[in-house]
Protein backbone atom coordinates (compact mmCIF):
# COMPACT_ATOMS: atom_id res chain seq x y z
CA MET A 1 1.60 -1.29 -9.55
CA ALA A 2 -1.57 0.73 -10.12
CA GLY A 3 -2.09 3.29 -12.84
CA GLY A 4 -1.32 3.63 -16.52
CA ALA A 5 1.97 5.43 -15.80
CA LEU A 6 3.21 2.25 -14.14
CA ALA A 7 1.98 -0.12 -16.85
CA ARG A 8 4.37 -2.27 -18.86
CA ALA A 9 3.86 -3.67 -22.36
CA GLN A 10 5.65 -7.00 -22.72
CA THR A 11 6.57 -8.66 -26.00
CA GLY A 12 8.83 -11.68 -26.33
CA GLY A 13 9.91 -11.45 -22.71
CA GLY A 14 11.01 -7.81 -22.88
CA MET A 15 9.58 -4.31 -22.73
CA SER A 16 8.26 -2.87 -25.94
CA ALA A 17 9.67 0.33 -27.32
CA PRO A 18 7.81 3.53 -26.35
CA ASP A 19 5.03 4.53 -28.72
CA PHE A 20 6.07 8.00 -29.80
CA ALA A 21 2.75 8.50 -31.59
CA GLU A 22 0.96 8.50 -28.23
CA PRO A 23 0.78 12.06 -26.85
CA CYS A 24 0.64 10.94 -23.20
CA PRO A 25 2.84 7.85 -22.87
CA ALA A 26 2.07 5.08 -20.41
CA VAL A 27 5.70 3.91 -20.48
CA TYR A 28 8.40 6.21 -19.10
CA PRO A 29 9.92 7.83 -22.22
CA GLY A 30 13.47 7.96 -20.86
CA ASP A 31 15.69 10.54 -19.21
CA ALA A 32 16.68 11.99 -22.59
CA ALA A 33 13.08 12.54 -23.74
CA ALA A 34 11.75 16.02 -24.38
CA ARG A 35 10.32 17.83 -21.38
CA GLU A 36 6.87 17.74 -22.96
CA ARG A 37 6.87 13.94 -23.14
CA ILE A 38 8.10 13.55 -19.58
CA ALA A 39 5.44 16.03 -18.39
CA ARG A 40 2.70 14.15 -20.26
CA TRP A 41 3.90 10.81 -18.88
CA MET A 42 3.53 12.32 -15.41
CA ALA A 43 0.16 13.83 -16.31
CA ARG A 44 -1.16 10.47 -17.46
CA GLY A 45 0.06 8.77 -14.30
CA ALA A 46 -1.60 11.44 -12.17
CA ALA A 47 -4.88 11.17 -14.08
CA ASP A 48 -4.90 7.40 -13.72
CA ARG A 49 -4.87 7.94 -9.93
CA GLY A 50 -7.61 10.57 -10.03
CA LEU A 51 -5.20 13.48 -9.54
CA PRO A 52 -4.94 16.70 -11.57
CA HIS A 53 -2.59 16.50 -14.54
CA GLU A 54 -0.51 19.46 -13.42
CA LEU A 55 0.26 18.29 -9.90
CA PRO A 56 3.37 16.10 -10.38
CA VAL A 57 4.63 18.29 -13.22
CA MET A 58 4.55 21.41 -11.04
CA ALA A 59 6.36 19.53 -8.28
CA ALA A 60 9.04 18.18 -10.63
CA ILE A 61 9.68 21.57 -12.23
CA ALA A 62 10.29 23.09 -8.80
CA GLU A 63 12.30 20.21 -7.33
CA SER A 64 14.46 19.10 -10.25
CA GLY A 65 13.78 21.24 -13.31
CA LEU A 66 11.86 18.23 -14.64
CA ARG A 67 15.00 16.07 -14.62
CA ASN A 68 15.70 12.68 -13.06
CA LEU A 69 18.51 13.81 -10.78
CA SER A 70 20.96 11.53 -8.99
CA GLY A 71 22.28 12.41 -5.57
CA ASP A 72 23.51 10.94 -2.31
CA THR A 73 20.76 12.48 -0.20
CA TYR A 74 17.98 13.60 -2.57
CA ALA A 75 17.24 12.08 -5.95
CA GLY A 76 14.77 11.75 -8.79
CA PHE A 77 12.22 14.11 -10.26
CA PHE A 78 10.67 15.00 -6.89
CA GLY A 79 13.77 15.39 -4.72
CA MET A 80 12.93 12.26 -2.72
CA HIS A 81 15.08 11.64 0.36
CA GLN A 82 17.13 8.45 0.35
CA SER A 83 15.28 7.35 3.50
CA LEU A 84 12.34 6.58 1.17
CA ASN A 85 14.45 3.97 -0.64
CA THR A 86 12.72 1.09 1.14
CA GLY A 87 9.53 -0.95 1.07
CA ASP A 88 7.21 -0.08 -1.80
CA TYR A 89 9.66 2.53 -3.09
CA ARG A 90 12.90 0.54 -2.87
CA GLY A 91 15.03 1.31 -5.91
CA PHE A 92 13.33 4.64 -6.67
CA PRO A 93 16.57 6.49 -7.61
CA ARG A 94 16.86 4.26 -10.70
CA ASN A 95 13.13 3.85 -11.30
CA PRO A 96 11.03 6.89 -12.29
CA ASP A 97 7.86 4.76 -12.12
CA LEU A 98 8.43 4.33 -8.38
CA GLN A 99 9.04 8.05 -8.04
CA LEU A 100 5.71 8.81 -9.68
CA ARG A 101 4.02 6.18 -7.54
CA TRP A 102 5.40 7.78 -4.36
CA PHE A 103 4.21 11.21 -5.42
CA GLY A 104 0.73 9.92 -6.32
CA ASP A 105 0.36 7.89 -3.12
CA THR A 106 1.41 10.82 -0.95
CA ALA A 107 -0.73 13.36 -2.81
CA ARG A 108 -3.80 11.13 -2.41
CA LEU A 109 -3.13 10.79 1.33
CA VAL A 110 -2.66 14.55 1.77
CA ARG A 111 -5.94 15.17 -0.03
CA GLN A 112 -7.75 12.55 2.07
CA ARG A 113 -6.44 14.11 5.29
CA ARG A 114 -7.51 17.61 4.29
CA VAL A 115 -11.02 16.49 3.45
CA ALA A 116 -11.31 14.47 6.68
CA GLU A 117 -10.25 17.55 8.65
CA GLY A 118 -13.09 19.58 7.15
CA ARG A 119 -10.85 21.65 4.92
CA PRO A 120 -11.50 22.39 1.22
CA ASP A 121 -10.74 19.64 -1.28
CA PRO A 122 -7.56 20.87 -3.04
CA ALA A 123 -8.43 18.96 -6.22
CA LYS A 124 -11.32 21.36 -6.82
CA ASP A 125 -9.23 24.54 -6.81
CA PRO A 126 -6.16 24.98 -9.04
CA ALA A 127 -5.10 27.86 -6.80
CA ALA A 128 -4.60 25.27 -4.03
CA TYR A 129 -2.36 22.97 -6.05
CA GLY A 130 0.82 24.63 -4.78
CA SER A 131 0.00 24.23 -1.11
CA TRP A 132 -1.12 20.65 -1.83
CA ILE A 133 2.28 19.91 -3.37
CA ALA A 134 4.00 21.61 -0.45
CA ASP A 135 2.27 19.21 1.93
CA VAL A 136 3.61 16.34 -0.18
CA GLU A 137 7.17 17.66 -0.50
CA ARG A 138 7.34 19.29 2.95
CA PRO A 139 10.00 21.91 2.18
CA ALA A 140 11.15 24.60 4.58
CA ARG A 141 8.41 27.15 5.20
CA GLU A 142 10.05 29.82 3.06
CA TYR A 143 9.87 27.54 -0.01
CA ARG A 144 6.25 26.44 0.25
CA SER A 145 5.02 29.11 -2.16
CA ARG A 146 7.33 28.16 -5.04
CA TYR A 147 5.21 25.31 -6.46
CA GLN A 148 2.15 27.36 -7.39
CA THR A 149 4.23 29.58 -9.64
CA HIS A 150 4.71 26.65 -12.05
CA LEU A 151 1.02 26.00 -12.80
CA GLU A 152 0.97 27.73 -16.19
CA GLU A 153 4.29 26.22 -17.24
CA ALA A 154 2.97 22.75 -16.41
CA ARG A 155 -0.20 23.40 -18.38
CA GLY A 156 1.85 24.56 -21.35
CA LEU A 157 3.92 21.36 -21.34
CA ILE A 158 0.85 19.12 -21.07
CA ALA A 159 -1.06 21.20 -23.64
CA GLY A 160 -4.39 19.58 -22.85
CA LYS A 161 -3.41 16.35 -24.60
CA CYS A 162 -4.10 13.86 -21.78
CA ALA A 163 -7.35 12.19 -20.76
CA ALA A 164 -9.25 13.62 -17.81
CA PRO A 165 -8.48 12.29 -14.31
CA ALA A 166 -10.14 8.97 -13.60
CA VAL A 167 -13.16 8.93 -11.32
CA ASP A 168 -13.50 5.30 -10.28
CA ASP A 169 -15.14 5.74 -6.89
CA THR A 170 -17.76 8.31 -5.97
CA THR A 171 -19.50 6.48 -3.11
CA PRO A 172 -18.87 8.16 0.25
CA PRO A 173 -18.05 5.97 3.25
CA ARG A 174 -20.65 5.02 5.82
CA LEU A 175 -20.11 6.87 9.09
CA GLU A 176 -21.49 5.94 12.49
CA LEU A 177 -21.33 8.61 15.18
CA TRP A 178 -22.07 9.10 18.86
CA VAL A 179 -21.82 12.53 20.50
CA SER A 180 -23.15 13.45 23.93
CA ARG A 181 -25.42 16.51 23.61
CA ARG A 182 -24.15 17.97 26.91
CA GLN A 183 -20.40 18.06 27.54
CA HIS A 184 -17.77 19.40 29.96
CA PRO A 185 -14.84 20.31 27.69
CA LEU A 186 -12.76 21.92 30.45
CA ALA A 187 -12.54 18.53 32.13
CA THR A 188 -12.10 16.40 29.01
CA GLY A 189 -9.78 18.68 27.05
CA GLY A 190 -12.35 19.47 24.39
CA ILE A 191 -15.55 18.24 22.79
CA VAL A 192 -15.51 14.46 22.53
CA ALA A 193 -17.08 12.42 19.73
CA GLU A 194 -16.91 8.72 18.93
CA ALA A 195 -17.02 7.56 15.32
CA ARG A 196 -16.26 4.68 13.03
CA CYS A 197 -16.42 3.63 9.37
CA PRO A 198 -17.94 0.14 9.52
CA ASP A 199 -17.53 -0.70 5.82
CA ASN A 200 -14.54 1.28 4.50
CA ASP A 201 -10.97 2.23 5.10
CA CYS A 202 -11.19 5.90 6.02
CA LEU A 203 -9.66 8.77 7.91
CA LEU A 204 -11.69 10.50 10.60
CA GLY A 205 -11.61 14.14 11.58
CA ALA A 206 -13.82 16.67 13.32
CA THR A 207 -14.48 20.37 13.64
CA ASN A 208 -16.35 22.48 16.14
CA ALA A 209 -17.82 25.89 15.43
CA ILE A 210 -18.60 28.32 18.24
CA GLY A 211 -19.84 31.60 16.89
CA THR A 212 -17.56 32.49 13.98
CA ARG A 213 -14.60 30.42 15.25
CA THR A 214 -13.97 26.91 13.90
CA ARG A 215 -11.44 24.45 15.27
CA HIS A 216 -10.20 21.36 13.40
CA THR A 217 -8.74 18.10 14.64
CA ALA A 218 -5.94 16.36 12.79
CA ALA A 219 -7.26 13.46 10.75
CA THR A 220 -6.68 10.06 12.30
CA GLU A 221 -6.93 6.45 11.27
CA PRO A 222 -9.83 4.71 13.02
CA ALA A 223 -9.30 1.96 15.53
CA GLU A 224 -9.26 -1.55 14.12
CA ARG A 225 -12.35 -2.39 16.11
CA GLY A 226 -15.04 -0.34 17.77
CA TYR A 227 -15.30 3.43 17.84
CA THR A 228 -12.50 5.97 17.67
CA ASN A 229 -12.45 8.87 20.12
CA LEU A 230 -12.05 12.33 18.59
CA THR A 231 -11.42 15.35 20.80
CA VAL A 232 -11.84 18.84 19.35
CA ARG A 233 -10.30 21.62 21.40
CA ILE A 234 -12.35 24.74 22.03
CA ALA A 235 -11.27 28.33 21.58
CA ARG A 236 -9.83 30.18 24.57
CA SER A 237 -12.71 32.64 24.52
CA ALA A 238 -15.17 29.77 24.92
CA GLY A 239 -13.11 28.45 27.81
CA ARG A 240 -13.27 31.85 29.53
CA ASP A 241 -17.05 31.92 29.08
CA LEU A 242 -17.39 28.47 30.63
CA ARG A 243 -15.20 29.40 33.62
CA ALA A 244 -17.39 32.44 34.12
CA GLY A 245 -20.40 30.13 34.45
CA HIS A 246 -21.90 30.70 31.00
CA THR A 247 -23.36 28.00 28.79
CA VAL A 248 -21.87 27.73 25.29
CA ARG A 249 -23.41 26.14 22.20
CA ALA A 250 -21.17 24.40 19.68
CA ARG A 251 -21.80 22.84 16.25
CA VAL A 252 -19.74 19.68 15.98
CA THR A 253 -19.06 18.07 12.61
CA VAL A 254 -17.39 14.69 12.24
CA ILE A 255 -16.07 13.78 8.78
CA ALA A 256 -15.01 10.47 7.30
CA ALA A 257 -13.02 10.50 4.05
CA ASP A 258 -12.13 7.41 2.05
CA GLN A 259 -9.01 6.95 -0.10
CA ALA A 260 -10.70 8.68 -3.04
CA ALA A 261 -11.44 11.66 -0.73
CA ASN A 262 -15.18 11.05 -0.82
CA PRO A 263 -16.51 12.63 2.40
CA THR A 264 -19.36 11.82 4.72
CA ALA A 265 -20.18 14.40 7.40
CA ARG A 266 -22.46 14.20 10.43
CA ARG A 267 -23.34 17.27 12.51
CA ARG A 268 -24.53 17.66 16.07
CA LEU A 269 -25.45 20.65 18.24
CA VAL A 270 -23.77 20.35 21.65
CA THR A 271 -24.28 22.32 24.86
CA LEU A 272 -21.05 23.04 26.74
CA VAL A 273 -21.01 23.60 30.49
CA ARG A 274 -18.34 24.00 33.10
């Protein structure tokens, strides 16, 4: 298990007692611990994975009132569905460390996808934390806004006592790209690019900008070998111009984002014809 929140101190074959002198405990302090200690345990686990302190705390306040709930369908601090009780997260209803691991893994993937799609990095804007959490928790649309309202409460519980998020990887992935400079998007379904990350695990995404309109592709995992095809749809207005016989210019950007959400972008100017 990665991260300080998942660490275990072993003495004489058993787990040591929690160190109550430590403001941000590495060991889960127990269901009966004060809310501040549980919040700081979460904050430390988030920081060890390079995530903002507040993120899991905001989620847990909204989903469970910062309590390790039991339930037949949803359980734990983050309201995890029982269908997640398998694989890497098997046993999560009785194991808060696994709950925090699931939240951290999913939050990192959501961030990576957003960056690969050419959208703002949510880690750089506290006002985006709520929508980031909503993409992790995936509630009904009418509940997506509830997470952001807990930012200040989370900060009050953490009280600035935990170390800053870890930054263990700042090297962007290498991206290789091929894009034809003249394309027929009405025939191909959009602007086509081929890309790969030869040295890294990454997600690939693309955007195209025509005038003031920008379209995004959903991020995708690259093919195991060779190049991955990315198709970016064009706006309807551009399609009408092409059908009328006009030539359209588009700015295509392909983005690769690694697991730490380090991005590499390559841009090409493409001429679109019917």
